[in-house]
Structures are given as structure tokens and as C-alpha cells.
Protein backbone atom coordinates (compact mmCIF):
# COMPACT_ATOMS: atom_id res chain seq x y z
CA MET A 1 -0.07 0.03 -0.13
CA SER A 2 1.26 3.29 -1.01
CA LEU A 3 1.86 6.25 1.82
CA PRO A 4 0.71 9.55 1.42
CA VAL A 5 2.83 11.80 -0.96
CA LEU A 6 5.23 13.63 1.11
CA THR A 7 7.40 16.66 -0.36
CA GLU A 8 11.02 17.08 -0.23
CA ASN A 9 10.57 19.59 2.60
CA SER A 10 8.17 17.20 4.58
CA ILE A 11 10.67 14.27 4.26
CA LEU A 12 13.60 16.14 5.29
CA ASN A 13 11.72 17.65 8.20
CA ILE A 14 11.10 14.07 9.44
CA VAL A 15 14.68 13.37 8.90
CA TYR A 16 15.55 16.36 11.09
CA ALA A 17 12.99 15.41 13.93
CA LEU A 18 14.40 11.76 14.20
CA TYR A 19 18.02 13.19 13.98
CA GLU A 20 17.81 15.98 16.28
CA GLY A 21 15.10 15.04 18.32
CA ASP A 22 13.00 18.16 18.02
CA THR A 23 10.89 20.14 15.30
CA THR A 24 12.80 23.27 14.96
CA ASN A 25 13.84 21.93 11.18
CA TRP A 26 16.71 23.00 9.06
CA SER A 27 16.57 26.07 7.10
CA ILE A 28 16.02 25.27 3.37
CA THR A 29 18.85 27.41 2.64
CA SER A 30 21.37 25.89 5.03
CA ALA A 31 24.27 23.58 4.17
CA GLU A 32 22.75 20.62 6.22
CA TYR A 33 19.39 20.81 4.39
CA LEU A 34 21.03 21.09 0.92
CA SER A 35 23.41 18.22 2.01
CA ALA A 36 20.43 16.27 3.18
CA ARG A 37 18.91 16.72 -0.21
CA ILE A 38 21.97 15.56 -2.04
CA MET A 39 21.48 12.15 0.23
CA ALA A 40 17.93 11.99 -0.48
CA ASN A 41 18.63 12.10 -4.35
CA ALA A 42 21.26 9.35 -3.56
CA SER A 43 18.64 7.25 -2.12
CA ILE A 44 16.06 7.78 -5.22
CA ASN A 45 19.01 6.50 -7.19
CA ARG A 46 19.33 3.52 -5.02
CA TRP A 47 15.79 2.97 -5.52
CA GLU A 48 15.69 3.40 -9.12
CA PHE A 49 18.55 1.15 -10.10
CA ASN A 50 18.00 -1.51 -7.51
CA ASP A 51 18.75 -5.10 -9.02
CA GLN A 52 17.54 -3.97 -12.29
CA THR A 53 13.61 -4.01 -11.09
CA ASN A 54 11.24 -2.37 -13.14
CA TRP A 55 9.24 -0.09 -10.83
CA ARG A 56 5.62 -0.02 -11.95
CA GLU A 57 5.64 3.74 -10.83
CA LEU A 58 8.17 4.52 -13.48
CA TRP A 59 5.87 3.37 -16.35
CA VAL A 60 3.96 6.29 -17.84
CA THR A 61 2.04 7.37 -20.83
CA LEU A 62 3.23 9.99 -23.67
CA THR A 63 -0.02 11.63 -23.01
CA ALA A 64 1.13 12.44 -19.53
CA ALA A 65 4.42 13.35 -20.53
CA ALA A 66 5.67 17.10 -20.24
CA ASP A 67 7.13 17.00 -23.44
CA GLY A 68 7.55 14.59 -26.70
CA THR A 69 5.44 14.96 -29.90
CA LYS A 70 1.86 13.93 -29.07
CA THR A 71 0.22 14.36 -32.72
CA THR A 72 1.04 13.28 -36.33
CA THR A 73 1.71 15.50 -39.44
CA ALA A 74 1.30 14.15 -42.94
CA GLY A 75 4.46 13.65 -44.68
CA THR A 76 6.45 13.36 -41.26
CA TYR A 77 7.76 9.84 -40.15
CA THR A 78 10.01 10.73 -37.13
CA TYR A 79 8.85 12.21 -33.79
CA THR A 80 10.58 13.41 -30.75
CA CYS A 81 10.13 11.16 -27.49
CA PRO A 82 9.91 12.57 -24.05
CA THR A 83 13.18 13.96 -22.68
CA ASP A 84 12.63 11.67 -19.34
CA MET A 85 12.22 8.51 -21.34
CA ILE A 86 14.49 5.64 -20.71
CA ARG A 87 12.82 3.13 -23.12
CA PRO A 88 9.59 2.22 -24.69
CA ALA A 89 6.99 -0.57 -24.25
CA SER A 90 6.01 -2.93 -26.93
CA TRP A 91 3.01 -0.97 -29.03
CA VAL A 92 2.38 2.49 -30.27
CA ARG A 93 -1.14 3.84 -31.27
CA VAL A 94 -2.04 6.43 -33.70
CA ASP A 95 -5.57 7.12 -32.83
CA SER A 96 -7.15 3.52 -32.73
CA THR A 97 -4.57 1.94 -34.88
CA TYR A 98 -2.06 -0.28 -33.45
CA TRP A 99 1.73 -0.05 -34.63
CA THR A 100 4.05 -2.77 -33.99
CA VAL A 101 7.54 -1.78 -32.60
CA VAL A 102 10.31 -3.66 -34.37
CA SER A 103 14.11 -3.46 -33.85
CA LEU A 104 16.17 -1.35 -35.65
CA LEU A 105 18.02 -4.20 -37.13
CA LYS A 106 14.85 -5.38 -38.68
CA VAL A 107 14.35 -2.06 -40.57
CA PRO A 108 16.37 -3.12 -43.77
CA SER A 109 14.30 -6.10 -44.29
CA LEU A 110 11.14 -4.25 -44.37
CA VAL A 111 12.16 -1.51 -46.85
CA GLU A 112 9.33 -2.43 -49.08
CA ASP A 113 6.96 -3.45 -46.55
CA THR A 114 3.48 -1.26 -46.44
CA SER A 115 2.32 -2.59 -43.08
CA ASN A 116 2.03 -0.58 -39.65
CA TRP A 117 5.24 -0.83 -37.99
CA CYS A 118 7.63 1.62 -36.22
CA TYR A 119 10.83 1.63 -34.35
CA PHE A 120 12.74 3.68 -31.78
CA THR A 121 16.30 5.25 -32.31
CA GLY A 122 18.54 7.13 -29.94
CA SER A 123 19.80 7.22 -26.15
CA ILE A 124 18.97 8.16 -22.93
CA LYS A 125 21.95 10.89 -23.32
CA ALA A 126 20.96 11.96 -27.00
CA GLY A 127 17.40 11.51 -26.72
CA PHE A 128 14.78 9.17 -28.54
CA LYS A 129 12.95 9.38 -31.75
CA LEU A 130 10.06 7.30 -32.61
CA ASN A 131 9.90 6.46 -36.46
CA PHE A 132 7.13 5.10 -38.50
CA ASN A 133 7.21 3.19 -41.72
CA SER A 134 7.39 5.63 -44.61
CA ASN A 135 5.47 3.41 -46.88
CA THR A 136 2.43 4.36 -44.92
CA THR A 137 0.29 7.52 -44.94
CA LEU A 138 -0.04 9.40 -41.58
CA PRO A 139 -2.70 11.99 -41.42
CA THR A 140 -2.34 15.50 -39.65
CA GLY A 141 -3.52 15.86 -36.20
CA ALA A 142 -3.85 12.21 -35.17
CA THR A 143 -3.05 11.30 -31.55
CA ILE A 144 0.36 9.28 -30.96
CA GLU A 145 -0.03 7.19 -27.92
CA TYR A 146 2.52 4.84 -26.10
CA GLU A 147 3.69 3.72 -22.72
CA TYR A 148 7.28 3.96 -21.76
CA TYR A 149 9.52 3.63 -18.97
CA LYS A 150 10.82 6.92 -17.43
CA VAL A 151 13.80 8.45 -15.31
CA ALA A 152 13.04 8.77 -11.74
CA THR A 153 12.26 12.42 -10.45
CA THR A 154 14.93 13.57 -8.05
CA PHE A 155 14.43 16.60 -5.70
CA THR A 156 15.50 20.16 -6.92
CA ALA A 157 13.17 22.01 -4.86
CA ILE A 158 11.22 21.92 -1.39
CA THR A 159 7.84 20.94 -3.29
CA SER A 160 9.47 18.19 -5.06
CA THR A 161 7.75 14.56 -4.65
CA THR A 162 8.83 11.17 -5.80
CA GLU A 163 7.20 8.31 -7.59
CA MET A 164 8.52 6.02 -4.72
CA SER A 165 5.47 4.45 -2.95
CA ASP A 166 7.13 4.40 0.35
CA PRO A 167 8.98 7.84 0.79
CA TYR A 168 10.15 6.51 4.26
CA PHE A 169 12.86 4.59 2.78
CA ILE A 170 14.27 8.15 1.85
CA VAL A 171 13.90 9.14 5.46
CA TYR A 172 15.97 6.14 6.91
CA PHE A 173 18.59 6.15 4.00
CA VAL A 174 19.20 9.83 4.58
CA LEU A 175 19.51 9.19 8.32
CA SER A 176 21.85 6.37 7.98
CA ARG A 177 24.07 8.50 6.19
CA LEU A 178 23.88 11.48 8.81
CA TYR A 179 24.71 8.85 11.50
CA GLU A 180 27.59 7.38 9.67
CA SER A 181 29.16 10.98 9.27
CA ASP A 182 28.88 11.25 12.97
CA GLY A 183 30.55 8.07 13.58
CA GLU A 184 27.62 6.56 15.13
CA ASP A 185 27.75 3.05 13.48
CA SER A 186 25.23 1.40 15.51
CA LYS A 187 22.62 4.10 14.86
CA ALA A 188 23.63 4.23 11.09
CA SER A 189 23.34 0.57 10.66
CA LYS A 190 19.74 0.43 12.38
CA ALA A 191 18.55 3.31 10.10
CA PHE A 192 19.96 1.40 7.03
CA GLN A 193 18.44 -1.74 7.88
CA GLU A 194 15.21 -0.03 8.44
CA ALA A 195 15.58 1.58 4.95
CA GLU A 196 16.73 -1.74 3.24
CA GLY A 197 13.63 -3.34 4.72
CA ARG A 198 11.23 -0.96 2.97
CA LEU A 199 12.88 -1.18 0.04
CA GLU A 200 12.57 -5.05 -0.08
CA ALA A 201 8.85 -4.43 0.88
CA MET A 202 8.53 -2.04 -2.05
CA LYS A 203 10.00 -4.69 -4.46
CA THR A 204 7.70 -7.35 -2.92
CA GLN A 205 4.63 -5.17 -3.75
CA ASN A 206 6.01 -4.24 -7.22
CA MET A 207 5.99 -8.06 -8.00
CA LEU A 208 2.64 -8.89 -7.02
CA GLY A 209 0.71 -6.98 -10.02
CA LEU A 210 -3.16 -7.12 -10.16
CA GLU A 211 -5.02 -9.85 -8.64
CA ASN A 212 -6.20 -12.54 -11.49
CA ILE A 213 -4.67 -10.47 -14.29
CA ASP A 214 -1.68 -11.77 -16.41
CA ASP A 215 0.56 -8.83 -16.64
CA LEU A 216 2.90 -10.67 -19.45
CA ILE A 217 2.80 -8.50 -22.51
CA PRO A 218 4.28 -9.54 -26.00
CA ASP A 219 7.29 -7.53 -26.49
CA SER A 220 8.05 -6.37 -29.99
CA SER A 221 10.52 -3.81 -28.96
CA SER A 222 13.65 -6.27 -28.53
CA GLY A 223 16.83 -4.33 -29.54
CA PHE A 224 15.37 -1.00 -30.17
CA GLY A 225 17.99 1.88 -30.91
CA THR A 226 20.82 -0.47 -31.41
């Protein structure tokens, strides 16, 4: 079960209370607060890349993205993807029509094919592009839709939030680093164990899926962008 959404400021105020034993809180411009933000972002990185886990919270839609081209233009076959994209899912839709995602390596063998297929090119660093089969006809103004796996949001302001279902993982991760810096090894170990326990609980919840629903989707995007 997800906990209530907590802002960066709320999370670091909880850290302060547990660490200092009062509710005075750090000034948001203090070195202590800004250092705790760095530690918090390190915890988000630990969550994001933990054992190659595919977090459900990081699967999003093009429609909900802040950028990325969302409609077609007649005669245009290459479209910009969201800047926070890591990799796509298996299907692309243009209005109600499904397009199969193929590997870039397969494209040369489809040079004369007129069916609905597309492929992704690019990288996380350079950005991704969605490419449609140029032997087809795309209208102007049709809606492009697909799911993709995104980069986790990090803290940059006091109102920042995380996709993480249990933000108390961040609390105890930061707390363990503070105790470690103080040479309080016993307290650091206890806080770290609490953080790791919460991380494992999130991984277990992530694997459960929806009751009585098979979440295996045929993957047609193997090798994209290579």
C-alpha cells in the first residue's frame, strides 16, 4: 500500500526530527538541508536502479509526459520522444490503430513493407525518436500514444515529490548517512536496515501485480535503438 505523497520538505523535516529529536527543522537554504537533499537524491538513485527492478511507478504514458510529440503531421515520419524516456513498451497507437514496434536491426528487411510498424532510435543521453514506416500514410492531427519507462524524479525544490511508493525509505536512508558521518555506527546500521527493509517491501509489492490479471505483454521492441 502506498503511503501519502510527501514533498521533499516534509521528508527532510521528518529526517530532522528523528535525527535531532526536535521540530525546529533546518533552514531550507542551510548547508545541512542542501546536503540532506543530495543524500535524498542518492536514495532515489538506489531505489531506481535496485537489482534491475522495473518499478511500476516509472511506467507512464506519452499523453502524461511534459514533452514529446503527441500528434502526427502528414509527410512526417520521425517524432521526438519525451526527454525523461529510458525505453518504450511494446506498442504504439495512432488514434485507434496499433503499430508494431520492431528492432532497428530489422528495418532493412522491411524496406518495401507497407504494414503498420515503427521503431525507436537514440539513447538516454541523446534523446529518443519514434520512426514510422515511411511506406504508409500518416494524417495530420492524429494522436500518438505509447507507454514508456521514465527516469525517476529527483528533488530540486522543497515542493518536489517522488514516484516512490514508500518515501520513508528516503527518510531512513538519509538518516543512516547522517549517523555514519557522525561516526554513530550502531545508529547508522539500524537506520540502514530499516531503509533496506522498506526497499525489499516495495520490491515485493511491485512483483505482486494485479489480482487474477496476467501482466505478460508480448514484447516487440527487443533491440530498439541498437
